[in-house]
PDB file of N, CA and C in Angstrom:
ATOM      1  N   GLN A   1     124.586 126.216 186.213  1.00  0.00           N
ATOM      2  CA  GLN A   1     124.395 124.899 186.821  1.00  0.00           C
ATOM      3  C   GLN A   1     124.318 125.053 188.340  1.00  0.00           C
ATOM      4  N   VAL A   2     123.218 124.563 188.885  1.00  0.00           N
ATOM      5  CA  VAL A   2     123.008 124.685 190.322  1.00  0.00           C
ATOM      6  C   VAL A   2     123.816 123.618 191.060  1.00  0.00           C
ATOM      7  N   GLN A   3     124.492 124.037 192.085  1.00  0.00           N
ATOM      8  CA  GLN A   3     125.171 123.086 192.978  1.00  0.00           C
ATOM      9  C   GLN A   3     124.723 123.355 194.403  1.00  0.00           C
ATOM     10  N   LEU A   4     124.407 122.276 195.110  1.00  0.00           N
ATOM     11  CA  LEU A   4     123.952 122.362 196.491  1.00  0.00           C
ATOM     12  C   LEU A   4     124.810 121.452 197.342  1.00  0.00           C
ATOM     13  N   VAL A   5     125.270 121.967 198.466  1.00  0.00           N
ATOM     14  CA  VAL A   5     126.104 121.187 199.363  1.00  0.00           C
ATOM     15  C   VAL A   5     125.502 121.238 200.757  1.00  0.00           C
ATOM     16  N   GLU A   6     125.087 120.056 201.247  1.00  0.00           N
ATOM     17  CA  GLU A   6     124.548 119.962 202.598  1.00  0.00           C
ATOM     18  C   GLU A   6     125.648 119.571 203.572  1.00  0.00           C
ATOM     19  N   SER A   7     125.487 119.990 204.810  1.00  0.00           N
ATOM     20  CA  SER A   7     126.416 119.606 205.868  1.00  0.00           C
ATOM     21  C   SER A   7     125.701 119.692 207.208  1.00  0.00           C
ATOM     22  N   GLY A   8     126.350 119.149 208.236  1.00  0.00           N
ATOM     23  CA  GLY A   8     125.820 119.273 209.587  1.00  0.00           C
ATOM     24  C   GLY A   8     125.174 118.029 210.152  1.00  0.00           C
ATOM     25  N   GLY A   9     125.065 116.991 209.354  1.00  0.00           N
ATOM     26  CA  GLY A   9     124.471 115.770 209.864  1.00  0.00           C
ATOM     27  C   GLY A   9     125.391 115.079 210.857  1.00  0.00           C
ATOM     28  N   GLY A  10     124.864 114.022 211.476  1.00  0.00           N
ATOM     29  CA  GLY A  10     125.661 113.278 212.431  1.00  0.00           C
ATOM     30  C   GLY A  10     124.801 112.361 213.268  1.00  0.00           C
ATOM     31  N   LEU A  11     125.421 111.836 214.314  1.00  0.00           N
ATOM     32  CA  LEU A  11     124.753 110.930 215.261  1.00  0.00           C
ATOM     33  C   LEU A  11     124.455 111.703 216.541  1.00  0.00           C
ATOM     34  N   VAL A  12     123.210 111.611 216.975  1.00  0.00           N
ATOM     35  CA  VAL A  12     122.799 112.336 218.175  1.00  0.00           C
ATOM     36  C   VAL A  12     121.813 111.476 218.947  1.00  0.00           C
ATOM     37  N   GLN A  13     121.767 111.652 220.238  1.00  0.00           N
ATOM     38  CA  GLN A  13     120.801 110.919 221.057  1.00  0.00           C
ATOM     39  C   GLN A  13     119.425 111.572 220.958  1.00  0.00           C
ATOM     40  N   ALA A  14     118.423 110.786 221.201  1.00  0.00           N
ATOM     41  CA  ALA A  14     117.060 111.317 221.209  1.00  0.00           C
ATOM     42  C   ALA A  14     116.970 112.489 222.183  1.00  0.00           C
ATOM     43  N   GLY A  15     116.276 113.530 221.744  1.00  0.00           N
ATOM     44  CA  GLY A  15     116.172 114.745 222.533  1.00  0.00           C
ATOM     45  C   GLY A  15     117.223 115.783 222.206  1.00  0.00           C
ATOM     46  N   GLY A  16     118.216 115.381 221.446  1.00  0.00           N
ATOM     47  CA  GLY A  16     119.293 116.288 221.090  1.00  0.00           C
ATOM     48  C   GLY A  16     118.953 117.175 219.910  1.00  0.00           C
ATOM     49  N   SER A  17     119.958 117.937 219.470  1.00  0.00           N
ATOM     50  CA  SER A  17     119.770 118.919 218.402  1.00  0.00           C
ATOM     51  C   SER A  17     120.892 118.813 217.376  1.00  0.00           C
ATOM     52  N   LEU A  18     120.564 119.200 216.163  1.00  0.00           N
ATOM     53  CA  LEU A  18     121.528 119.355 215.087  1.00  0.00           C
ATOM     54  C   LEU A  18     121.104 120.543 214.236  1.00  0.00           C
ATOM     55  N   ARG A  19     122.074 121.161 213.577  1.00  0.00           N
ATOM     56  CA  ARG A  19     121.751 122.203 212.601  1.00  0.00           C
ATOM     57  C   ARG A  19     122.361 121.820 211.258  1.00  0.00           C
ATOM     58  N   LEU A  20     121.516 121.676 210.285  1.00  0.00           N
ATOM     59  CA  LEU A  20     121.955 121.372 208.928  1.00  0.00           C
ATOM     60  C   LEU A  20     122.109 122.669 208.139  1.00  0.00           C
ATOM     61  N   SER A  21     123.048 122.643 207.207  1.00  0.00           N
ATOM     62  CA  SER A  21     123.266 123.779 206.310  1.00  0.00           C
ATOM     63  C   SER A  21     123.204 123.296 204.873  1.00  0.00           C
ATOM     64  N   CYS A  22     122.720 124.164 204.013  1.00  0.00           N
ATOM     65  CA  CYS A  22     122.694 123.903 202.571  1.00  0.00           C
ATOM     66  C   CYS A  22     123.180 125.161 201.876  1.00  0.00           C
ATOM     67  N   THR A  23     124.324 125.060 201.216  1.00  0.00           N
ATOM     68  CA  THR A  23     124.900 126.196 200.515  1.00  0.00           C
ATOM     69  C   THR A  23     124.775 125.992 199.014  1.00  0.00           C
ATOM     70  N   ALA A  24     124.273 127.019 198.348  1.00  0.00           N
ATOM     71  CA  ALA A  24     124.002 126.932 196.917  1.00  0.00           C
ATOM     72  C   ALA A  24     124.965 127.791 196.109  1.00  0.00           C
ATOM     73  N   SER A  25     125.209 127.368 194.892  1.00  0.00           N
ATOM     74  CA  SER A  25     125.971 128.165 193.937  1.00  0.00           C
ATOM     75  C   SER A  25     125.363 127.951 192.558  1.00  0.00           C
ATOM     76  N   GLY A  26     125.644 128.902 191.658  1.00  0.00           N
ATOM     77  CA  GLY A  26     125.149 128.775 190.294  1.00  0.00           C
ATOM     78  C   GLY A  26     123.766 129.332 190.064  1.00  0.00           C
ATOM     79  N   ILE A  27     123.183 129.954 191.097  1.00  0.00           N
ATOM     80  CA  ILE A  27     121.867 130.570 190.952  1.00  0.00           C
ATOM     81  C   ILE A  27     121.843 131.894 191.714  1.00  0.00           C
ATOM     82  N   ILE A  28     120.854 132.729 191.370  1.00  0.00           N
ATOM     83  CA  ILE A  28     120.611 133.936 192.169  1.00  0.00           C
ATOM     84  C   ILE A  28     119.767 133.490 193.347  1.00  0.00           C
ATOM     85  N   PHE A  29     120.446 133.072 194.376  1.00  0.00           N
ATOM     86  CA  PHE A  29     119.857 132.315 195.474  1.00  0.00           C
ATOM     87  C   PHE A  29     118.632 133.005 196.076  1.00  0.00           C
ATOM     88  N   ARG A  30     118.702 134.318 196.243  1.00  0.00           N
ATOM     89  CA  ARG A  30     117.642 135.031 196.960  1.00  0.00           C
ATOM     90  C   ARG A  30     116.301 134.956 196.221  1.00  0.00           C
ATOM     91  N   MET A  31     116.326 134.583 194.958  1.00  0.00           N
ATOM     92  CA  MET A  31     115.104 134.552 194.167  1.00  0.00           C
ATOM     93  C   MET A  31     114.351 133.226 194.278  1.00  0.00           C
ATOM     94  N   TYR A  32     114.924 132.242 194.963  1.00  0.00           N
ATOM     95  CA  TYR A  32     114.375 130.893 194.946  1.00  0.00           C
ATOM     96  C   TYR A  32     113.865 130.426 196.295  1.00  0.00           C
ATOM     97  N   SER A  33     112.797 129.649 196.237  1.00  0.00           N
ATOM     98  CA  SER A  33     112.370 128.888 197.410  1.00  0.00           C
ATOM     99  C   SER A  33     113.299 127.693 197.585  1.00  0.00           C
ATOM    100  N   VAL A  34     113.475 127.300 198.818  1.00  0.00           N
ATOM    101  CA  VAL A  34     114.352 126.169 199.132  1.00  0.00           C
ATOM    102  C   VAL A  34     113.600 125.210 200.046  1.00  0.00           C
ATOM    103  N   GLY A  35     113.766 123.929 199.788  1.00  0.00           N
ATOM    104  CA  GLY A  35     113.123 122.940 200.628  1.00  0.00           C
ATOM    105  C   GLY A  35     114.113 121.960 201.223  1.00  0.00           C
ATOM    106  N   TRP A  36     113.805 121.486 202.415  1.00  0.00           N
ATOM    107  CA  TRP A  36     114.512 120.355 203.018  1.00  0.00           C
ATOM    108  C   TRP A  36     113.601 119.135 202.915  1.00  0.00           C
ATOM    109  N   PHE A  37     114.199 118.027 202.536  1.00  0.00           N
ATOM    110  CA  PHE A  37     113.493 116.767 202.400  1.00  0.00           C
ATOM    111  C   PHE A  37     114.321 115.691 203.099  1.00  0.00           C
ATOM    112  N   ARG A  38     113.704 114.555 203.359  1.00  0.00           N
ATOM    113  CA  ARG A  38     114.458 113.461 203.958  1.00  0.00           C
ATOM    114  C   ARG A  38     113.973 112.131 203.408  1.00  0.00           C
ATOM    115  N   GLN A  39     114.872 111.179 203.456  1.00  0.00           N
ATOM    116  CA  GLN A  39     114.541 109.835 202.985  1.00  0.00           C
ATOM    117  C   GLN A  39     115.125 108.825 203.946  1.00  0.00           C
ATOM    118  N   ALA A  40     114.242 108.087 204.579  1.00  0.00           N
ATOM    119  CA  ALA A  40     114.654 107.026 205.485  1.00  0.00           C
ATOM    120  C   ALA A  40     114.787 105.721 204.687  1.00  0.00           C
ATOM    121  N   PRO A  41     115.551 104.763 205.194  1.00  0.00           N
ATOM    122  CA  PRO A  41     115.730 103.487 204.469  1.00  0.00           C
ATOM    123  C   PRO A  41     114.393 102.820 204.170  1.00  0.00           C
ATOM    124  N   GLY A  42     114.209 102.451 202.914  1.00  0.00           N
ATOM    125  CA  GLY A  42     112.988 101.763 202.520  1.00  0.00           C
ATOM    126  C   GLY A  42     111.777 102.651 202.360  1.00  0.00           C
ATOM    127  N   LYS A  43     111.945 103.959 202.493  1.00  0.00           N
ATOM    128  CA  LYS A  43     110.816 104.877 202.380  1.00  0.00           C
ATOM    129  C   LYS A  43     111.055 105.887 201.269  1.00  0.00           C
ATOM    130  N   GLN A  44     109.969 106.521 200.851  1.00  0.00           N
ATOM    131  CA  GLN A  44     110.090 107.559 199.843  1.00  0.00           C
ATOM    132  C   GLN A  44     110.602 108.852 200.464  1.00  0.00           C
ATOM    133  N   ARG A  45     111.190 109.688 199.604  1.00  0.00           N
ATOM    134  CA  ARG A  45     111.626 110.993 200.055  1.00  0.00           C
ATOM    135  C   ARG A  45     110.404 111.817 200.437  1.00  0.00           C
ATOM    136  N   GLU A  46     110.497 112.522 201.565  1.00  0.00           N
ATOM    137  CA  GLU A  46     109.364 113.297 202.035  1.00  0.00           C
ATOM    138  C   GLU A  46     109.781 114.722 202.359  1.00  0.00           C
ATOM    139  N   PHE A  47     108.831 115.618 202.224  1.00  0.00           N
ATOM    140  CA  PHE A  47     109.037 117.026 202.533  1.00  0.00           C
ATOM    141  C   PHE A  47     109.180 117.208 204.036  1.00  0.00           C
ATOM    142  N   VAL A  48     110.111 118.085 204.418  1.00  0.00           N
ATOM    143  CA  VAL A  48     110.313 118.402 205.836  1.00  0.00           C
ATOM    144  C   VAL A  48     109.963 119.860 206.115  1.00  0.00           C
ATOM    145  N   ALA A  49     110.574 120.770 205.354  1.00  0.00           N
ATOM    146  CA  ALA A  49     110.372 122.196 205.594  1.00  0.00           C
ATOM    147  C   ALA A  49     110.736 122.970 204.339  1.00  0.00           C
ATOM    148  N   GLY A  50     110.124 124.129 204.174  1.00  0.00           N
ATOM    149  CA  GLY A  50     110.429 124.968 203.034  1.00  0.00           C
ATOM    150  C   GLY A  50     110.438 126.432 203.420  1.00  0.00           C
ATOM    151  N   ILE A  51     111.208 127.202 202.670  1.00  0.00           N
ATOM    152  CA  ILE A  51     111.253 128.643 202.893  1.00  0.00           C
ATOM    153  C   ILE A  51     111.225 129.334 201.538  1.00  0.00           C
ATOM    154  N   ALA A  52     110.308 130.279 201.410  1.00  0.00           N
ATOM    155  CA  ALA A  52     110.157 130.990 200.152  1.00  0.00           C
ATOM    156  C   ALA A  52     111.181 132.110 200.038  1.00  0.00           C
ATOM    157  N   SER A  53     111.268 132.679 198.826  1.00  0.00           N
ATOM    158  CA  SER A  53     112.225 133.767 198.619  1.00  0.00           C
ATOM    159  C   SER A  53     111.933 134.941 199.538  1.00  0.00           C
ATOM    160  N   GLY A  54     110.668 135.141 199.873  1.00  0.00           N
ATOM    161  CA  GLY A  54     110.296 136.235 200.764  1.00  0.00           C
ATOM    162  C   GLY A  54     110.425 135.918 202.224  1.00  0.00           C
ATOM    163  N   GLY A  55     110.739 134.664 202.524  1.00  0.00           N
ATOM    164  CA  GLY A  55     110.981 134.285 203.907  1.00  0.00           C
ATOM    165  C   GLY A  55     109.861 133.514 204.584  1.00  0.00           C
ATOM    166  N   SER A  56     108.722 133.357 203.933  1.00  0.00           N
ATOM    167  CA  SER A  56     107.654 132.578 204.561  1.00  0.00           C
ATOM    168  C   SER A  56     108.067 131.113 204.628  1.00  0.00           C
ATOM    169  N   THR A  57     107.583 130.435 205.634  1.00  0.00           N
ATOM    170  CA  THR A  57     108.020 129.062 205.891  1.00  0.00           C
ATOM    171  C   THR A  57     106.824 128.124 206.021  1.00  0.00           C
ATOM    172  N   ASN A  58     107.071 126.851 205.757  1.00  0.00           N
ATOM    173  CA  ASN A  58     106.075 125.831 206.049  1.00  0.00           C
ATOM    174  C   ASN A  58     106.776 124.545 206.426  1.00  0.00           C
ATOM    175  N   TYR A  59     106.063 123.710 207.174  1.00  0.00           N
ATOM    176  CA  TYR A  59     106.660 122.526 207.767  1.00  0.00           C
ATOM    177  C   TYR A  59     105.729 121.327 207.642  1.00  0.00           C
ATOM    178  N   ALA A  60     106.343 120.173 207.583  1.00  0.00           N
ATOM    179  CA  ALA A  60     105.565 118.951 207.705  1.00  0.00           C
ATOM    180  C   ALA A  60     105.031 118.858 209.135  1.00  0.00           C
ATOM    181  N   ASP A  61     103.861 118.271 209.285  1.00  0.00           N
ATOM    182  CA  ASP A  61     103.261 118.175 210.611  1.00  0.00           C
ATOM    183  C   ASP A  61     104.168 117.457 211.602  1.00  0.00           C
ATOM    184  N   SER A  62     104.930 116.504 211.095  1.00  0.00           N
ATOM    185  CA  SER A  62     105.762 115.682 211.974  1.00  0.00           C
ATOM    186  C   SER A  62     106.912 116.447 212.613  1.00  0.00           C
ATOM    187  N   VAL A  63     107.233 117.624 212.077  1.00  0.00           N
ATOM    188  CA  VAL A  63     108.373 118.374 212.619  1.00  0.00           C
ATOM    189  C   VAL A  63     107.982 119.740 213.158  1.00  0.00           C
ATOM    190  N   LYS A  64     106.724 120.115 213.008  1.00  0.00           N
ATOM    191  CA  LYS A  64     106.284 121.425 213.501  1.00  0.00           C
ATOM    192  C   LYS A  64     106.562 121.567 214.987  1.00  0.00           C
ATOM    193  N   GLY A  65     107.112 122.724 215.345  1.00  0.00           N
ATOM    194  CA  GLY A  65     107.438 122.986 216.736  1.00  0.00           C
ATOM    195  C   GLY A  65     108.789 122.461 217.171  1.00  0.00           C
ATOM    196  N   ARG A  66     109.408 121.642 216.332  1.00  0.00           N
ATOM    197  CA  ARG A  66     110.743 121.092 216.674  1.00  0.00           C
ATOM    198  C   ARG A  66     111.820 121.579 215.707  1.00  0.00           C
ATOM    199  N   PHE A  67     111.470 121.753 214.459  1.00  0.00           N
ATOM    200  CA  PHE A  67     112.445 122.162 213.436  1.00  0.00           C
ATOM    201  C   PHE A  67     112.157 123.606 213.014  1.00  0.00           C
ATOM    202  N   THR A  68     113.227 124.317 212.668  1.00  0.00           N
ATOM    203  CA  THR A  68     113.102 125.684 212.167  1.00  0.00           C
ATOM    204  C   THR A  68     113.994 125.859 210.946  1.00  0.00           C
ATOM    205  N   ILE A  69     113.397 126.366 209.889  1.00  0.00           N
ATOM    206  CA  ILE A  69     114.154 126.648 208.670  1.00  0.00           C
ATOM    207  C   ILE A  69     114.403 128.146 208.583  1.00  0.00           C
ATOM    208  N   ALA A  70     115.595 128.506 208.134  1.00  0.00           N
ATOM    209  CA  ALA A  70     115.957 129.916 207.997  1.00  0.00           C
ATOM    210  C   ALA A  70     116.924 130.059 206.836  1.00  0.00           C
ATOM    211  N   ARG A  71     117.019 131.261 206.307  1.00  0.00           N
ATOM    212  CA  ARG A  71     117.949 131.476 205.190  1.00  0.00           C
ATOM    213  C   ARG A  71     118.792 132.717 205.431  1.00  0.00           C
ATOM    214  N   ASP A  72     119.997 132.665 204.890  1.00  0.00           N
ATOM    215  CA  ASP A  72     120.908 133.803 204.894  1.00  0.00           C
ATOM    216  C   ASP A  72     121.305 134.033 203.438  1.00  0.00           C
ATOM    217  N   ASN A  73     120.631 134.970 202.790  1.00  0.00           N
ATOM    218  CA  ASN A  73     120.872 135.187 201.365  1.00  0.00           C
ATOM    219  C   ASN A  73     122.286 135.705 201.087  1.00  0.00           C
ATOM    220  N   ALA A  74     122.867 136.417 202.037  1.00  0.00           N
ATOM    221  CA  ALA A  74     124.231 136.916 201.852  1.00  0.00           C
ATOM    222  C   ALA A  74     125.232 135.764 201.757  1.00  0.00           C
ATOM    223  N   LYS A  75     124.882 134.629 202.371  1.00  0.00           N
ATOM    224  CA  LYS A  75     125.768 133.460 202.357  1.00  0.00           C
ATOM    225  C   LYS A  75     125.257 132.361 201.429  1.00  0.00           C
ATOM    226  N   ASN A  76     124.171 132.634 200.698  1.00  0.00           N
ATOM    227  CA  ASN A  76     123.583 131.613 199.818  1.00  0.00           C
ATOM    228  C   ASN A  76     123.313 130.314 200.574  1.00  0.00           C
ATOM    229  N   THR A  77     122.851 130.430 201.789  1.00  0.00           N
ATOM    230  CA  THR A  77     122.722 129.271 202.660  1.00  0.00           C
ATOM    231  C   THR A  77     121.356 129.221 203.332  1.00  0.00           C
ATOM    232  N   VAL A  78     120.819 128.016 203.416  1.00  0.00           N
ATOM    233  CA  VAL A  78     119.617 127.742 204.180  1.00  0.00           C
ATOM    234  C   VAL A  78     119.972 126.780 205.303  1.00  0.00           C
ATOM    235  N   TYR A  79     119.388 127.026 206.452  1.00  0.00           N
ATOM    236  CA  TYR A  79     119.661 126.208 207.637  1.00  0.00           C
ATOM    237  C   TYR A  79     118.402 125.453 208.058  1.00  0.00           C
ATOM    238  N   LEU A  80     118.613 124.324 208.687  1.00  0.00           N
ATOM    239  CA  LEU A  80     117.520 123.597 209.318  1.00  0.00           C
ATOM    240  C   LEU A  80     117.959 123.274 210.743  1.00  0.00           C
ATOM    241  N   GLN A  81     117.399 124.005 211.686  1.00  0.00           N
ATOM    242  CA  GLN A  81     117.669 123.745 213.098  1.00  0.00           C
ATOM    243  C   GLN A  81     116.696 122.662 213.561  1.00  0.00           C
ATOM    244  N   MET A  82     117.243 121.581 214.059  1.00  0.00           N
ATOM    245  CA  MET A  82     116.427 120.443 214.469  1.00  0.00           C
ATOM    246  C   MET A  82     116.608 120.218 215.969  1.00  0.00           C
ATOM    247  N   ASN A  83     115.545 120.392 216.715  1.00  0.00           N
ATOM    248  CA  ASN A  83     115.560 120.199 218.169  1.00  0.00           C
ATOM    249  C   ASN A  83     114.651 119.049 218.546  1.00  0.00           C
ATOM    250  N   SER A  84     114.827 118.575 219.754  1.00  0.00           N
ATOM    251  CA  SER A  84     113.994 117.474 220.276  1.00  0.00           C
ATOM    252  C   SER A  84     113.932 116.318 219.285  1.00  0.00           C
ATOM    253  N   LEU A  85     115.075 115.934 218.799  1.00  0.00           N
ATOM    254  CA  LEU A  85     115.129 114.892 217.775  1.00  0.00           C
ATOM    255  C   LEU A  85     114.630 113.560 218.301  1.00  0.00           C
ATOM    256  N   LYS A  86     113.999 112.813 217.400  1.00  0.00           N
ATOM    257  CA  LYS A  86     113.443 111.511 217.719  1.00  0.00           C
ATOM    258  C   LYS A  86     114.084 110.453 216.815  1.00  0.00           C
ATOM    259  N   PRO A  87     114.092 109.207 217.227  1.00  0.00           N
ATOM    260  CA  PRO A  87     114.645 108.159 216.357  1.00  0.00           C
ATOM    261  C   PRO A  87     113.983 108.134 214.979  1.00  0.00           C
ATOM    262  N   GLU A  88     112.726 108.472 214.895  1.00  0.00           N
ATOM    263  CA  GLU A  88     112.038 108.465 213.599  1.00  0.00           C
ATOM    264  C   GLU A  88     112.470 109.611 212.692  1.00  0.00           C
ATOM    265  N   ASP A  89     113.303 110.523 213.191  1.00  0.00           N
ATOM    266  CA  ASP A  89     113.877 111.565 212.334  1.00  0.00           C
ATOM    267  C   ASP A  89     115.109 111.070 211.588  1.00  0.00           C
ATOM    268  N   THR A  90     115.551 109.862 211.898  1.00  0.00           N
ATOM    269  CA  THR A  90     116.708 109.293 211.221  1.00  0.00           C
ATOM    270  C   THR A  90     116.457 109.157 209.726  1.00  0.00           C
ATOM    271  N   ALA A  91     117.344 109.739 208.934  1.00  0.00           N
ATOM    272  CA  ALA A  91     117.186 109.741 207.476  1.00  0.00           C
ATOM    273  C   ALA A  91     118.377 110.460 206.854  1.00  0.00           C
ATOM    274  N   VAL A  92     118.457 110.367 205.541  1.00  0.00           N
ATOM    275  CA  VAL A  92     119.347 111.252 204.787  1.00  0.00           C
ATOM    276  C   VAL A  92     118.541 112.506 204.457  1.00  0.00           C
ATOM    277  N   TYR A  93     119.097 113.645 204.779  1.00  0.00           N
ATOM    278  CA  TYR A  93     118.420 114.920 204.569  1.00  0.00           C
ATOM    279  C   TYR A  93     119.016 115.601 203.340  1.00  0.00           C
ATOM    280  N   TYR A  94     118.132 116.066 202.478  1.00  0.00           N
ATOM    281  CA  TYR A  94     118.519 116.721 201.234  1.00  0.00           C
ATOM    282  C   TYR A  94     117.900 118.114 201.168  1.00  0.00           C
ATOM    283  N   CYS A  95     118.625 119.045 200.558  1.00  0.00           N
ATOM    284  CA  CYS A  95     117.972 120.296 200.198  1.00  0.00           C
ATOM    285  C   CYS A  95     117.717 120.305 198.702  1.00  0.00           C
ATOM    286  N   GLY A  96     116.666 120.999 198.330  1.00  0.00           N
ATOM    287  CA  GLY A  96     116.253 121.057 196.945  1.00  0.00           C
ATOM    288  C   GLY A  96     115.955 122.483 196.532  1.00  0.00           C
ATOM    289  N   VAL A  97     116.473 122.872 195.366  1.00  0.00           N
ATOM    290  CA  VAL A  97     116.235 124.187 194.788  1.00  0.00           C
ATOM    291  C   VAL A  97     116.106 124.021 193.285  1.00  0.00           C
ATOM    292  N   SER A  98     115.002 124.555 192.730  1.00  0.00           N
ATOM    293  CA  SER A  98     114.874 124.598 191.276  1.00  0.00           C
ATOM    294  C   SER A  98     115.154 123.243 190.625  1.00  0.00           C
ATOM    295  N   ASN A  99     114.537 122.199 191.137  1.00  0.00           N
ATOM    296  CA  ASN A  99     114.662 120.843 190.605  1.00  0.00           C
ATOM    297  C   ASN A  99     116.073 120.271 190.721  1.00  0.00           C
ATOM    298  N   SER A 100     116.908 120.834 191.536  1.00  0.00           N
ATOM    299  CA  SER A 100     118.240 120.303 191.791  1.00  0.00           C
ATOM    300  C   SER A 100     118.341 119.851 193.248  1.00  0.00           C
ATOM    301  N   TRP A 101     119.202 118.868 193.468  1.00  0.00           N
ATOM    302  CA  TRP A 101     119.367 118.293 194.797  1.00  0.00           C
ATOM    303  C   TRP A 101     120.833 118.255 195.174  1.00  0.00           C
ATOM    304  N   GLY A 102     121.064 118.358 196.481  1.00  0.00           N
ATOM    305  CA  GLY A 102     122.395 118.119 196.971  1.00  0.00           C
ATOM    306  C   GLY A 102     122.648 116.629 197.147  1.00  0.00           C
ATOM    307  N   GLN A 103     123.809 116.300 197.715  1.00  0.00           N
ATOM    308  CA  GLN A 103     124.188 114.901 197.879  1.00  0.00           C
ATOM    309  C   GLN A 103     123.582 114.287 199.133  1.00  0.00           C
ATOM    310  N   GLY A 104     123.075 115.123 200.013  1.00  0.00           N
ATOM    311  CA  GLY A 104     122.459 114.652 201.235  1.00  0.00           C
ATOM    312  C   GLY A 104     123.433 114.581 202.392  1.00  0.00           C
ATOM    313  N   THR A 105     122.878 114.620 203.592  1.00  0.00           N
ATOM    314  CA  THR A 105     123.662 114.476 204.812  1.00  0.00           C
ATOM    315  C   THR A 105     122.894 113.557 205.761  1.00  0.00           C
ATOM    316  N   GLN A 106     123.603 112.599 206.336  1.00  0.00           N
ATOM    317  CA  GLN A 106     122.965 111.583 207.167  1.00  0.00           C
ATOM    318  C   GLN A 106     122.710 112.118 208.572  1.00  0.00           C
ATOM    319  N   VAL A 107     121.500 111.921 209.035  1.00  0.00           N
ATOM    320  CA  VAL A 107     121.130 112.213 210.422  1.00  0.00           C
ATOM    321  C   VAL A 107     120.682 110.910 211.065  1.00  0.00           C
ATOM    322  N   THR A 108     121.324 110.555 212.163  1.00  0.00           N
ATOM    323  CA  THR A 108     120.963 109.350 212.894  1.00  0.00           C
ATOM    324  C   THR A 108     120.670 109.721 214.339  1.00  0.00           C
ATOM    325  N   VAL A 109     119.485 109.349 214.792  1.00  0.00           N
ATOM    326  CA  VAL A 109     119.063 109.644 216.153  1.00  0.00           C
ATOM    327  C   VAL A 109     118.916 108.330 216.901  1.00  0.00           C
ATOM    328  N   SER A 110     119.708 108.166 217.936  1.00  0.00           N
ATOM    329  CA  SER A 110     119.666 106.936 218.718  1.00  0.00           C
ATOM    330  C   SER A 110     118.692 107.073 219.879  1.00  0.00           C
ATOM    331  N   SER A 111     118.093 105.942 220.226  1.00  0.00           N
ATOM    332  CA  SER A 111     117.101 105.970 221.316  1.00  0.00           C
ATOM    333  C   SER A 111     117.758 105.724 222.660  1.00  0.00           C
TER     334      SER A 111
END
């Protein structure tokens, strides 16, 4: 049974930074791609960034150049470094692996 735990969210001013973490258990983590997604109030969940088992990455256009995804297989953890945050980045951020989701972590960016 896959379990995912996100952390690192919070309240930050526009232009600030946060680093989110997603720690997995119940899977051979290094074998899986991991994605970060977000859902703002009244909107559908959307893709933010992904990292494959081999380390290749991809990003939504809205976050390219500002967000960086990385993984540490020894810690079963994926990180999302978020810089130059904007109010429109406000959302609950979720990580997803193998059709499983964490509980999410709230990110709020004030203007």
